[in-house]
Amino acid sequence: MMKIISGMILCELLNYHIICPFPAVQIRFPAVTDLPLPPHNATSRQHNMWCRIQLLMTLYVVSSP
């Protein structure tokens, strides 16, 4: 039952993230100023992947006994 609820929460969060994406600027770490930033699409892909990893880690911790 817990896995079903976790799956439903994960699905909702991923759908919300796709519909209402957060700007990648919110998660950037301090960077060296002389390095060029990656293209916007690459930054968005990195951000989406990082959000999915965070969600999976959160659900794993919440659902573990």
PDB file of N, CA and C in Angstrom:
ATOM      1  N   MET A   1       0.824  -1.194   0.000  1.00  0.00           N
ATOM      2  CA  MET A   1       0.000   0.000   0.000  1.00  0.00           C
ATOM      3  C   MET A   1       0.872   1.264   0.000  1.00  0.00           C
ATOM      4  N   MET A   2       1.948   1.219   0.792  1.00  0.00           N
ATOM      5  CA  MET A   2       2.842   2.378   0.866  1.00  0.00           C
ATOM      6  C   MET A   2       3.503   2.645  -0.486  1.00  0.00           C
ATOM      7  N   LYS A   3       3.858   1.568  -1.208  1.00  0.00           N
ATOM      8  CA  LYS A   3       4.498   1.749  -2.509  1.00  0.00           C
ATOM      9  C   LYS A   3       3.529   2.362  -3.513  1.00  0.00           C
ATOM     10  N   ILE A   4       2.251   1.990  -3.430  1.00  0.00           N
ATOM     11  CA  ILE A   4       1.250   2.566  -4.331  1.00  0.00           C
ATOM     12  C   ILE A   4       1.108   4.054  -4.058  1.00  0.00           C
ATOM     13  N   ILE A   5       1.022   4.424  -2.789  1.00  0.00           N
ATOM     14  CA  ILE A   5       0.897   5.841  -2.430  1.00  0.00           C
ATOM     15  C   ILE A   5       2.145   6.606  -2.857  1.00  0.00           C
ATOM     16  N   SER A   6       3.323   6.021  -2.640  1.00  0.00           N
ATOM     17  CA  SER A   6       4.571   6.677  -3.056  1.00  0.00           C
ATOM     18  C   SER A   6       4.602   6.864  -4.564  1.00  0.00           C
ATOM     19  N   GLY A   7       4.150   5.846  -5.297  1.00  0.00           N
ATOM     20  CA  GLY A   7       4.107   5.948  -6.758  1.00  0.00           C
ATOM     21  C   GLY A   7       3.162   7.040  -7.216  1.00  0.00           C
ATOM     22  N   MET A   8       2.012   7.153  -6.552  1.00  0.00           N
ATOM     23  CA  MET A   8       1.051   8.197  -6.913  1.00  0.00           C
ATOM     24  C   MET A   8       1.628   9.581  -6.631  1.00  0.00           C
ATOM     25  N   ILE A   9       2.307   9.728  -5.491  1.00  0.00           N
ATOM     26  CA  ILE A   9       2.923  11.014  -5.153  1.00  0.00           C
ATOM     27  C   ILE A   9       4.004  11.359  -6.170  1.00  0.00           C
ATOM     28  N   LEU A  10       4.834  10.386  -6.516  1.00  0.00           N
ATOM     29  CA  LEU A  10       5.900  10.617  -7.491  1.00  0.00           C
ATOM     30  C   LEU A  10       5.317  11.042  -8.830  1.00  0.00           C
ATOM     31  N   CYS A  11       4.265  10.363  -9.262  1.00  0.00           N
ATOM     32  CA  CYS A  11       3.623  10.694 -10.540  1.00  0.00           C
ATOM     33  C   CYS A  11       3.095  12.125 -10.517  1.00  0.00           C
ATOM     34  N   GLU A  12       2.430  12.510  -9.447  1.00  0.00           N
ATOM     35  CA  GLU A  12       1.891  13.864  -9.343  1.00  0.00           C
ATOM     36  C   GLU A  12       3.003  14.910  -9.341  1.00  0.00           C
ATOM     37  N   LEU A  13       4.074  14.647  -8.592  1.00  0.00           N
ATOM     38  CA  LEU A  13       5.171  15.612  -8.536  1.00  0.00           C
ATOM     39  C   LEU A  13       5.854  15.755  -9.886  1.00  0.00           C
ATOM     40  N   LEU A  14       6.039  14.642 -10.593  1.00  0.00           N
ATOM     41  CA  LEU A  14       6.664  14.725 -11.913  1.00  0.00           C
ATOM     42  C   LEU A  14       5.761  15.466 -12.886  1.00  0.00           C
ATOM     43  N   ASN A  15       4.457  15.211 -12.840  1.00  0.00           N
ATOM     44  CA  ASN A  15       3.529  15.927 -13.713  1.00  0.00           C
ATOM     45  C   ASN A  15       3.542  17.415 -13.396  1.00  0.00           C
ATOM     46  N   TYR A  16       3.541  17.763 -12.110  1.00  0.00           N
ATOM     47  CA  TYR A  16       3.589  19.174 -11.723  1.00  0.00           C
ATOM     48  C   TYR A  16       4.878  19.819 -12.215  1.00  0.00           C
ATOM     49  N   HIS A  17       5.986  19.072 -12.085  1.00  0.00           N
ATOM     50  CA  HIS A  17       7.266  19.634 -12.502  1.00  0.00           C
ATOM     51  C   HIS A  17       7.307  19.866 -14.009  1.00  0.00           C
ATOM     52  N   ILE A  18       6.683  18.974 -14.786  1.00  0.00           N
ATOM     53  CA  ILE A  18       6.659  19.134 -16.239  1.00  0.00           C
ATOM     54  C   ILE A  18       5.781  20.321 -16.619  1.00  0.00           C
ATOM     55  N   ILE A  19       4.638  20.469 -15.939  1.00  0.00           N
ATOM     56  CA  ILE A  19       3.712  21.553 -16.270  1.00  0.00           C
ATOM     57  C   ILE A  19       4.244  22.894 -15.774  1.00  0.00           C
ATOM     58  N   CYS A  20       4.803  22.930 -14.580  1.00  0.00           N
ATOM     59  CA  CYS A  20       5.292  24.172 -13.968  1.00  0.00           C
ATOM     60  C   CYS A  20       6.782  24.039 -13.671  1.00  0.00           C
ATOM     61  N   PRO A  21       7.626  24.086 -14.698  1.00  0.00           N
ATOM     62  CA  PRO A  21       9.060  23.888 -14.447  1.00  0.00           C
ATOM     63  C   PRO A  21       9.655  25.056 -13.660  1.00  0.00           C
ATOM     64  N   PHE A  22      10.582  24.722 -12.801  1.00  0.00           N
ATOM     65  CA  PHE A  22      11.305  25.749 -12.071  1.00  0.00           C
ATOM     66  C   PHE A  22      12.478  26.209 -12.926  1.00  0.00           C
ATOM     67  N   PRO A  23      12.812  27.490 -12.863  1.00  0.00           N
ATOM     68  CA  PRO A  23      13.973  27.940 -13.624  1.00  0.00           C
ATOM     69  C   PRO A  23      15.254  27.290 -13.110  1.00  0.00           C
ATOM     70  N   ALA A  24      16.135  26.965 -14.030  1.00  0.00           N
ATOM     71  CA  ALA A  24      17.382  26.295 -13.671  1.00  0.00           C
ATOM     72  C   ALA A  24      18.274  27.192 -12.814  1.00  0.00           C
ATOM     73  N   VAL A  25      18.054  28.496 -12.856  1.00  0.00           N
ATOM     74  CA  VAL A  25      18.871  29.432 -12.080  1.00  0.00           C
ATOM     75  C   VAL A  25      18.739  29.142 -10.585  1.00  0.00           C
ATOM     76  N   GLN A  26      17.609  28.601 -10.152  1.00  0.00           N
ATOM     77  CA  GLN A  26      17.390  28.362  -8.730  1.00  0.00           C
ATOM     78  C   GLN A  26      18.324  27.306  -8.161  1.00  0.00           C
ATOM     79  N   ILE A  27      18.821  26.385  -8.981  1.00  0.00           N
ATOM     80  CA  ILE A  27      19.626  25.294  -8.436  1.00  0.00           C
ATOM     81  C   ILE A  27      21.100  25.390  -8.804  1.00  0.00           C
ATOM     82  N   ARG A  28      21.498  26.434  -9.530  1.00  0.00           N
ATOM     83  CA  ARG A  28      22.901  26.530  -9.923  1.00  0.00           C
ATOM     84  C   ARG A  28      23.775  26.794  -8.713  1.00  0.00           C
ATOM     85  N   PHE A  29      24.912  26.143  -8.678  1.00  0.00           N
ATOM     86  CA  PHE A  29      25.890  26.372  -7.626  1.00  0.00           C
ATOM     87  C   PHE A  29      26.779  27.539  -8.045  1.00  0.00           C
ATOM     88  N   PRO A  30      27.459  28.178  -7.101  1.00  0.00           N
ATOM     89  CA  PRO A  30      28.371  29.254  -7.487  1.00  0.00           C
ATOM     90  C   PRO A  30      29.373  28.744  -8.530  1.00  0.00           C
ATOM     91  N   ALA A  31      29.486  29.471  -9.606  1.00  0.00           N
ATOM     92  CA  ALA A  31      30.329  29.025 -10.710  1.00  0.00           C
ATOM     93  C   ALA A  31      31.460  30.020 -10.935  1.00  0.00           C
ATOM     94  N   VAL A  32      32.505  29.536 -11.569  1.00  0.00           N
ATOM     95  CA  VAL A  32      33.604  30.416 -11.963  1.00  0.00           C
ATOM     96  C   VAL A  32      33.076  31.308 -13.075  1.00  0.00           C
ATOM     97  N   THR A  33      33.287  32.619 -12.952  1.00  0.00           N
ATOM     98  CA  THR A  33      32.651  33.557 -13.878  1.00  0.00           C
ATOM     99  C   THR A  33      33.226  33.504 -15.282  1.00  0.00           C
ATOM    100  N   ASP A  34      34.451  33.016 -15.460  1.00  0.00           N
ATOM    101  CA  ASP A  34      35.026  33.032 -16.808  1.00  0.00           C
ATOM    102  C   ASP A  34      34.624  31.799 -17.624  1.00  0.00           C
ATOM    103  N   LEU A  35      33.882  30.860 -17.037  1.00  0.00           N
ATOM    104  CA  LEU A  35      33.430  29.700 -17.801  1.00  0.00           C
ATOM    105  C   LEU A  35      32.085  30.000 -18.458  1.00  0.00           C
ATOM    106  N   PRO A  36      31.920  29.633 -19.729  1.00  0.00           N
ATOM    107  CA  PRO A  36      30.622  29.870 -20.376  1.00  0.00           C
ATOM    108  C   PRO A  36      29.567  28.922 -19.808  1.00  0.00           C
ATOM    109  N   LEU A  37      28.330  29.400 -19.736  1.00  0.00           N
ATOM    110  CA  LEU A  37      27.231  28.560 -19.270  1.00  0.00           C
ATOM    111  C   LEU A  37      26.804  27.611 -20.392  1.00  0.00           C
ATOM    112  N   PRO A  38      26.314  26.436 -20.059  1.00  0.00           N
ATOM    113  CA  PRO A  38      25.836  25.525 -21.097  1.00  0.00           C
ATOM    114  C   PRO A  38      24.584  26.092 -21.759  1.00  0.00           C
ATOM    115  N   PRO A  39      24.240  25.598 -22.944  1.00  0.00           N
ATOM    116  CA  PRO A  39      23.004  26.057 -23.591  1.00  0.00           C
ATOM    117  C   PRO A  39      21.805  25.797 -22.683  1.00  0.00           C
ATOM    118  N   HIS A  40      20.743  26.546 -22.895  1.00  0.00           N
ATOM    119  CA  HIS A  40      19.570  26.455 -22.022  1.00  0.00           C
ATOM    120  C   HIS A  40      19.008  25.036 -21.958  1.00  0.00           C
ATOM    121  N   ASN A  41      18.962  24.351 -23.089  1.00  0.00           N
ATOM    122  CA  ASN A  41      18.401  22.995 -23.098  1.00  0.00           C
ATOM    123  C   ASN A  41      19.213  22.053 -22.223  1.00  0.00           C
ATOM    124  N   ALA A  42      20.532  22.177 -22.267  1.00  0.00           N
ATOM    125  CA  ALA A  42      21.382  21.318 -21.442  1.00  0.00           C
ATOM    126  C   ALA A  42      21.147  21.613 -19.961  1.00  0.00           C
ATOM    127  N   THR A  43      21.001  22.886 -19.623  1.00  0.00           N
ATOM    128  CA  THR A  43      20.744  23.262 -18.235  1.00  0.00           C
ATOM    129  C   THR A  43      19.402  22.707 -17.779  1.00  0.00           C
ATOM    130  N   SER A  44      18.392  22.790 -18.626  1.00  0.00           N
ATOM    131  CA  SER A  44      17.067  22.280 -18.274  1.00  0.00           C
ATOM    132  C   SER A  44      17.092  20.774 -18.084  1.00  0.00           C
ATOM    133  N   ARG A  45      17.825  20.075 -18.955  1.00  0.00           N
ATOM    134  CA  ARG A  45      17.910  18.614 -18.823  1.00  0.00           C
ATOM    135  C   ARG A  45      18.595  18.240 -17.517  1.00  0.00           C
ATOM    136  N   GLN A  46      19.665  18.952 -17.182  1.00  0.00           N
ATOM    137  CA  GLN A  46      20.363  18.691 -15.917  1.00  0.00           C
ATOM    138  C   GLN A  46      19.430  18.937 -14.737  1.00  0.00           C
ATOM    139  N   HIS A  47      18.698  20.030 -14.806  1.00  0.00           N
ATOM    140  CA  HIS A  47      17.781  20.382 -13.727  1.00  0.00           C
ATOM    141  C   HIS A  47      16.693  19.318 -13.573  1.00  0.00           C
ATOM    142  N   ASN A  48      16.098  18.896 -14.685  1.00  0.00           N
ATOM    143  CA  ASN A  48      15.052  17.873 -14.630  1.00  0.00           C
ATOM    144  C   ASN A  48      15.589  16.574 -14.049  1.00  0.00           C
ATOM    145  N   MET A  49      16.792  16.187 -14.459  1.00  0.00           N
ATOM    146  CA  MET A  49      17.381  14.953 -13.950  1.00  0.00           C
ATOM    147  C   MET A  49      17.638  15.086 -12.444  1.00  0.00           C
ATOM    148  N   TRP A  50      18.154  16.220 -12.006  1.00  0.00           N
ATOM    149  CA  TRP A  50      18.438  16.428 -10.587  1.00  0.00           C
ATOM    150  C   TRP A  50      17.147  16.382  -9.768  1.00  0.00           C
ATOM    151  N   CYS A  51      16.074  16.973 -10.284  1.00  0.00           N
ATOM    152  CA  CYS A  51      14.797  16.949  -9.562  1.00  0.00           C
ATOM    153  C   CYS A  51      14.269  15.525  -9.439  1.00  0.00           C
ATOM    154  N   ARG A  52      14.384  14.739 -10.500  1.00  0.00           N
ATOM    155  CA  ARG A  52      13.922  13.350 -10.441  1.00  0.00           C
ATOM    156  C   ARG A  52      14.738  12.545  -9.435  1.00  0.00           C
ATOM    157  N   ILE A  53      16.043  12.775  -9.405  1.00  0.00           N
ATOM    158  CA  ILE A  53      16.894  12.067  -8.440  1.00  0.00           C
ATOM    159  C   ILE A  53      16.493  12.449  -7.018  1.00  0.00           C
ATOM    160  N   GLN A  54      16.262  13.741  -6.777  1.00  0.00           N
ATOM    161  CA  GLN A  54      15.852  14.179  -5.442  1.00  0.00           C
ATOM    162  C   GLN A  54      14.525  13.548  -5.033  1.00  0.00           C
ATOM    163  N   LEU A  55      13.571  13.503  -5.974  1.00  0.00           N
ATOM    164  CA  LEU A  55      12.273  12.907  -5.663  1.00  0.00           C
ATOM    165  C   LEU A  55      12.406  11.430  -5.336  1.00  0.00           C
ATOM    166  N   LEU A  56      13.186  10.718  -6.132  1.00  0.00           N
ATOM    167  CA  LEU A  56      13.358   9.288  -5.882  1.00  0.00           C
ATOM    168  C   LEU A  56      14.038   9.040  -4.543  1.00  0.00           C
ATOM    169  N   MET A  57      15.046   9.848  -4.216  1.00  0.00           N
ATOM    170  CA  MET A  57      15.730   9.686  -2.932  1.00  0.00           C
ATOM    171  C   MET A  57      14.781   9.981  -1.777  1.00  0.00           C
ATOM    172  N   THR A  58      13.952  11.016  -1.918  1.00  0.00           N
ATOM    173  CA  THR A  58      12.988  11.356  -0.873  1.00  0.00           C
ATOM    174  C   THR A  58      11.988  10.230  -0.673  1.00  0.00           C
ATOM    175  N   LEU A  59      11.455   9.707  -1.775  1.00  0.00           N
ATOM    176  CA  LEU A  59      10.488   8.618  -1.662  1.00  0.00           C
ATOM    177  C   LEU A  59      11.124   7.368  -1.078  1.00  0.00           C
ATOM    178  N   TYR A  60      12.377   7.117  -1.407  1.00  0.00           N
ATOM    179  CA  TYR A  60      13.061   5.949  -0.851  1.00  0.00           C
ATOM    180  C   TYR A  60      13.196   6.080   0.666  1.00  0.00           C
ATOM    181  N   VAL A  61      13.586   7.274   1.119  1.00  0.00           N
ATOM    182  CA  VAL A  61      13.757   7.496   2.557  1.00  0.00           C
ATOM    183  C   VAL A  61      12.409   7.418   3.271  1.00  0.00           C
ATOM    184  N   VAL A  62      11.368   8.003   2.666  1.00  0.00           N
ATOM    185  CA  VAL A  62      10.047   8.009   3.294  1.00  0.00           C
ATOM    186  C   VAL A  62       9.472   6.599   3.369  1.00  0.00           C
ATOM    187  N   SER A  63       9.665   5.795   2.327  1.00  0.00           N
ATOM    188  CA  SER A  63       9.039   4.472   2.287  1.00  0.00           C
ATOM    189  C   SER A  63       9.858   3.397   2.993  1.00  0.00           C
ATOM    190  N   SER A  64      11.108   3.688   3.363  1.00  0.00           N
ATOM    191  CA  SER A  64      11.905   2.668   4.056  1.00  0.00           C
ATOM    192  C   SER A  64      11.439   2.547   5.510  1.00  0.00           C
ATOM    193  N   PRO A  65      11.497   1.334   6.052  1.00  0.00           N
ATOM    194  CA  PRO A  65      10.981   1.116   7.419  1.00  0.00           C
ATOM    195  C   PRO A  65      11.822   1.786   8.496  1.00  0.00           C
TER     196      PRO A  65
END
